[in-house]
Amino acid sequence: MKDKQTYWKENLRLIGLCLVIWFVVSFGFGLLLVEPLNTIRLGGYKLGFWFAQQGSIYTFVGLVFWYSRKMNQLDKKYNVEES
């Protein structure tokens, strides 16, 4: 029982971290900090615009792969991996 609780606590910590990172990138960089970021250009586009249009999507896809890798490691740690 203790292992299951610890496993889910670690899983929820990973999920929370992913949500915080995604929120900071999509809402923080895409909306709140758009004006300061727009002074920087990336490939000819303003950086604030890029984060609002593309950066949050790339970050989300990267987080999906990172979460998958971390969950595989966590599954092995608690011996609950799929066969």
N, C-alpha and C. Protein backbone atom coordinates (compact mmCIF):
# COMPACT_ATOMS: atom_id res chain seq x y z
N MET A 1 0.84 -1.21 0.00
CA MET A 1 0.00 0.00 0.00
C MET A 1 0.88 1.27 0.00
N LYS A 2 1.94 1.26 0.79
CA LYS A 2 2.82 2.42 0.89
C LYS A 2 3.49 2.71 -0.46
N ASP A 3 3.90 1.65 -1.17
CA ASP A 3 4.53 1.84 -2.47
C ASP A 3 3.58 2.47 -3.47
N LYS A 4 2.31 2.09 -3.44
CA LYS A 4 1.33 2.67 -4.35
C LYS A 4 1.14 4.16 -4.08
N GLN A 5 1.09 4.52 -2.81
CA GLN A 5 0.92 5.93 -2.44
C GLN A 5 2.15 6.75 -2.87
N THR A 6 3.32 6.21 -2.67
CA THR A 6 4.54 6.90 -3.06
C THR A 6 4.63 7.03 -4.58
N TYR A 7 4.24 5.96 -5.27
CA TYR A 7 4.23 5.97 -6.74
C TYR A 7 3.31 7.08 -7.26
N TRP A 8 2.10 7.17 -6.71
CA TRP A 8 1.16 8.19 -7.18
C TRP A 8 1.58 9.59 -6.78
N LYS A 9 2.23 9.74 -5.63
CA LYS A 9 2.74 11.06 -5.24
C LYS A 9 3.80 11.53 -6.24
N GLU A 10 4.69 10.62 -6.62
CA GLU A 10 5.72 10.99 -7.60
C GLU A 10 5.09 11.27 -8.96
N ASN A 11 4.08 10.49 -9.33
CA ASN A 11 3.38 10.72 -10.60
C ASN A 11 2.69 12.09 -10.60
N LEU A 12 2.01 12.41 -9.52
CA LEU A 12 1.33 13.71 -9.42
C LEU A 12 2.33 14.87 -9.42
N ARG A 13 3.50 14.65 -8.83
CA ARG A 13 4.54 15.68 -8.86
C ARG A 13 4.99 15.94 -10.29
N LEU A 14 5.17 14.87 -11.08
CA LEU A 14 5.54 15.03 -12.49
C LEU A 14 4.46 15.76 -13.28
N ILE A 15 3.21 15.38 -13.05
CA ILE A 15 2.09 16.03 -13.74
C ILE A 15 2.05 17.51 -13.37
N GLY A 16 2.19 17.81 -12.09
CA GLY A 16 2.18 19.21 -11.65
C GLY A 16 3.30 20.02 -12.27
N LEU A 17 4.49 19.43 -12.34
CA LEU A 17 5.62 20.12 -12.96
C LEU A 17 5.36 20.39 -14.44
N CYS A 18 4.81 19.41 -15.14
CA CYS A 18 4.47 19.60 -16.55
C CYS A 18 3.45 20.72 -16.73
N LEU A 19 2.44 20.74 -15.88
CA LEU A 19 1.41 21.78 -15.99
C LEU A 19 1.97 23.17 -15.69
N VAL A 20 2.85 23.28 -14.72
CA VAL A 20 3.46 24.57 -14.40
C VAL A 20 4.31 25.06 -15.56
N ILE A 21 5.14 24.18 -16.12
CA ILE A 21 5.99 24.57 -17.26
C ILE A 21 5.12 25.00 -18.43
N TRP A 22 4.10 24.22 -18.74
CA TRP A 22 3.24 24.55 -19.87
C TRP A 22 2.50 25.87 -19.64
N PHE A 23 2.05 26.11 -18.41
CA PHE A 23 1.37 27.36 -18.08
C PHE A 23 2.30 28.55 -18.25
N VAL A 24 3.52 28.43 -17.73
CA VAL A 24 4.49 29.53 -17.84
C VAL A 24 4.78 29.85 -19.29
N VAL A 25 4.98 28.82 -20.11
CA VAL A 25 5.31 29.04 -21.52
C VAL A 25 4.11 29.59 -22.29
N SER A 26 2.95 28.96 -22.14
CA SER A 26 1.79 29.38 -22.94
C SER A 26 1.16 30.68 -22.44
N PHE A 27 0.88 30.77 -21.15
CA PHE A 27 0.22 31.96 -20.63
C PHE A 27 1.22 33.05 -20.29
N GLY A 28 2.31 32.66 -19.62
CA GLY A 28 3.30 33.65 -19.22
C GLY A 28 4.02 34.28 -20.39
N PHE A 29 4.65 33.44 -21.23
CA PHE A 29 5.40 33.97 -22.37
C PHE A 29 4.48 34.43 -23.50
N GLY A 30 3.38 33.74 -23.70
CA GLY A 30 2.49 34.06 -24.81
C GLY A 30 1.56 35.24 -24.57
N LEU A 31 1.25 35.53 -23.29
CA LEU A 31 0.31 36.62 -23.00
C LEU A 31 0.89 37.69 -22.07
N LEU A 32 1.38 37.27 -20.92
CA LEU A 32 1.82 38.24 -19.92
C LEU A 32 3.12 38.95 -20.30
N LEU A 33 4.06 38.21 -20.85
CA LEU A 33 5.37 38.79 -21.17
C LEU A 33 5.55 39.03 -22.67
N VAL A 34 4.44 39.12 -23.39
CA VAL A 34 4.52 39.24 -24.84
C VAL A 34 5.23 40.52 -25.28
N GLU A 35 4.98 41.63 -24.64
CA GLU A 35 5.60 42.90 -25.05
C GLU A 35 7.11 42.90 -24.87
N PRO A 36 7.63 42.52 -23.68
CA PRO A 36 9.10 42.48 -23.57
C PRO A 36 9.74 41.46 -24.52
N LEU A 37 9.07 40.34 -24.73
CA LEU A 37 9.62 39.32 -25.63
C LEU A 37 9.57 39.75 -27.09
N ASN A 38 8.64 40.61 -27.43
CA ASN A 38 8.52 41.07 -28.82
C ASN A 38 9.70 41.94 -29.26
N THR A 39 10.52 42.37 -28.32
CA THR A 39 11.71 43.14 -28.70
C THR A 39 12.80 42.23 -29.26
N ILE A 40 12.64 40.93 -29.08
CA ILE A 40 13.60 39.94 -29.58
C ILE A 40 12.98 39.27 -30.80
N ARG A 41 13.79 39.05 -31.82
CA ARG A 41 13.29 38.40 -33.05
C ARG A 41 13.84 36.99 -33.16
N LEU A 42 13.01 36.07 -33.65
CA LEU A 42 13.38 34.68 -33.87
C LEU A 42 12.93 34.30 -35.27
N GLY A 43 13.87 34.15 -36.17
CA GLY A 43 13.53 33.80 -37.55
C GLY A 43 12.68 34.86 -38.23
N GLY A 44 12.88 36.11 -37.86
CA GLY A 44 12.12 37.19 -38.47
C GLY A 44 10.82 37.52 -37.75
N TYR A 45 10.42 36.69 -36.79
CA TYR A 45 9.18 36.91 -36.05
C TYR A 45 9.49 37.40 -34.64
N LYS A 46 8.59 38.17 -34.09
CA LYS A 46 8.74 38.63 -32.72
C LYS A 46 8.62 37.42 -31.79
N LEU A 47 9.47 37.36 -30.78
CA LEU A 47 9.53 36.20 -29.90
C LEU A 47 8.23 35.98 -29.13
N GLY A 48 7.58 37.03 -28.69
CA GLY A 48 6.30 36.90 -27.99
C GLY A 48 5.24 36.28 -28.88
N PHE A 49 5.20 36.72 -30.13
CA PHE A 49 4.26 36.14 -31.10
C PHE A 49 4.60 34.68 -31.34
N TRP A 50 5.90 34.37 -31.46
CA TRP A 50 6.32 32.99 -31.71
C TRP A 50 5.89 32.08 -30.57
N PHE A 51 6.08 32.52 -29.32
CA PHE A 51 5.66 31.69 -28.19
C PHE A 51 4.16 31.49 -28.19
N ALA A 52 3.40 32.52 -28.52
CA ALA A 52 1.95 32.39 -28.53
C ALA A 52 1.48 31.45 -29.63
N GLN A 53 2.15 31.45 -30.77
CA GLN A 53 1.70 30.65 -31.92
C GLN A 53 2.36 29.28 -32.00
N GLN A 54 3.65 29.18 -31.73
CA GLN A 54 4.38 27.94 -31.93
C GLN A 54 5.04 27.40 -30.67
N GLY A 55 5.62 28.26 -29.88
CA GLY A 55 6.42 27.85 -28.73
C GLY A 55 5.66 27.01 -27.72
N SER A 56 4.41 27.38 -27.45
CA SER A 56 3.64 26.61 -26.47
C SER A 56 3.31 25.21 -27.02
N ILE A 57 3.12 25.10 -28.32
CA ILE A 57 2.84 23.79 -28.93
C ILE A 57 4.09 22.92 -28.87
N TYR A 58 5.24 23.46 -29.24
CA TYR A 58 6.49 22.70 -29.18
C TYR A 58 6.80 22.28 -27.74
N THR A 59 6.55 23.18 -26.80
CA THR A 59 6.78 22.86 -25.40
C THR A 59 5.87 21.73 -24.95
N PHE A 60 4.60 21.78 -25.35
CA PHE A 60 3.66 20.73 -24.99
C PHE A 60 4.11 19.38 -25.54
N VAL A 61 4.51 19.32 -26.80
CA VAL A 61 4.96 18.06 -27.40
C VAL A 61 6.22 17.56 -26.68
N GLY A 62 7.14 18.47 -26.39
CA GLY A 62 8.34 18.08 -25.65
C GLY A 62 8.01 17.54 -24.26
N LEU A 63 7.04 18.17 -23.59
CA LEU A 63 6.63 17.70 -22.27
C LEU A 63 5.98 16.33 -22.33
N VAL A 64 5.24 16.04 -23.38
CA VAL A 64 4.62 14.72 -23.53
C VAL A 64 5.70 13.64 -23.60
N PHE A 65 6.73 13.87 -24.41
CA PHE A 65 7.81 12.90 -24.52
C PHE A 65 8.61 12.80 -23.22
N TRP A 66 8.88 13.93 -22.57
CA TRP A 66 9.61 13.93 -21.31
C TRP A 66 8.83 13.18 -20.23
N TYR A 67 7.52 13.45 -20.15
CA TYR A 67 6.67 12.77 -19.16
C TYR A 67 6.64 11.27 -19.42
N SER A 68 6.55 10.88 -20.67
CA SER A 68 6.54 9.46 -21.01
C SER A 68 7.83 8.78 -20.56
N ARG A 69 8.95 9.41 -20.82
CA ARG A 69 10.23 8.84 -20.42
C ARG A 69 10.33 8.74 -18.90
N LYS A 70 9.93 9.80 -18.19
CA LYS A 70 10.00 9.80 -16.73
C LYS A 70 9.04 8.77 -16.13
N MET A 71 7.87 8.58 -16.73
CA MET A 71 6.93 7.59 -16.22
C MET A 71 7.45 6.18 -16.45
N ASN A 72 8.14 5.94 -17.56
CA ASN A 72 8.75 4.63 -17.77
C ASN A 72 9.79 4.35 -16.70
N GLN A 73 10.58 5.36 -16.35
CA GLN A 73 11.56 5.21 -15.28
C GLN A 73 10.89 4.96 -13.94
N LEU A 74 9.80 5.68 -13.68
CA LEU A 74 9.07 5.51 -12.44
C LEU A 74 8.42 4.13 -12.36
N ASP A 75 7.87 3.66 -13.47
CA ASP A 75 7.28 2.32 -13.52
C ASP A 75 8.32 1.25 -13.20
N LYS A 76 9.51 1.39 -13.75
CA LYS A 76 10.58 0.43 -13.47
C LYS A 76 11.00 0.50 -12.00
N LYS A 77 11.06 1.71 -11.47
CA LYS A 77 11.46 1.89 -10.07
C LYS A 77 10.50 1.17 -9.13
N TYR A 78 9.20 1.22 -9.41
CA TYR A 78 8.20 0.60 -8.55
C TYR A 78 7.71 -0.74 -9.07
N ASN A 79 8.39 -1.24 -10.11
CA ASN A 79 8.10 -2.56 -10.67
C ASN A 79 6.64 -2.70 -11.11
N VAL A 80 6.13 -1.69 -11.82
CA VAL A 80 4.77 -1.74 -12.35
C VAL A 80 4.73 -1.54 -13.86
N GLU A 81 5.88 -1.80 -14.51
CA GLU A 81 5.93 -1.57 -15.96
C GLU A 81 5.07 -2.59 -16.70
N GLU A 82 4.63 -2.16 -17.89
CA GLU A 82 3.81 -3.03 -18.72
C GLU A 82 4.70 -4.05 -19.42
N SER A 83 4.12 -5.21 -19.66
CA SER A 83 4.92 -6.24 -20.33
C SER A 83 4.64 -6.29 -21.81
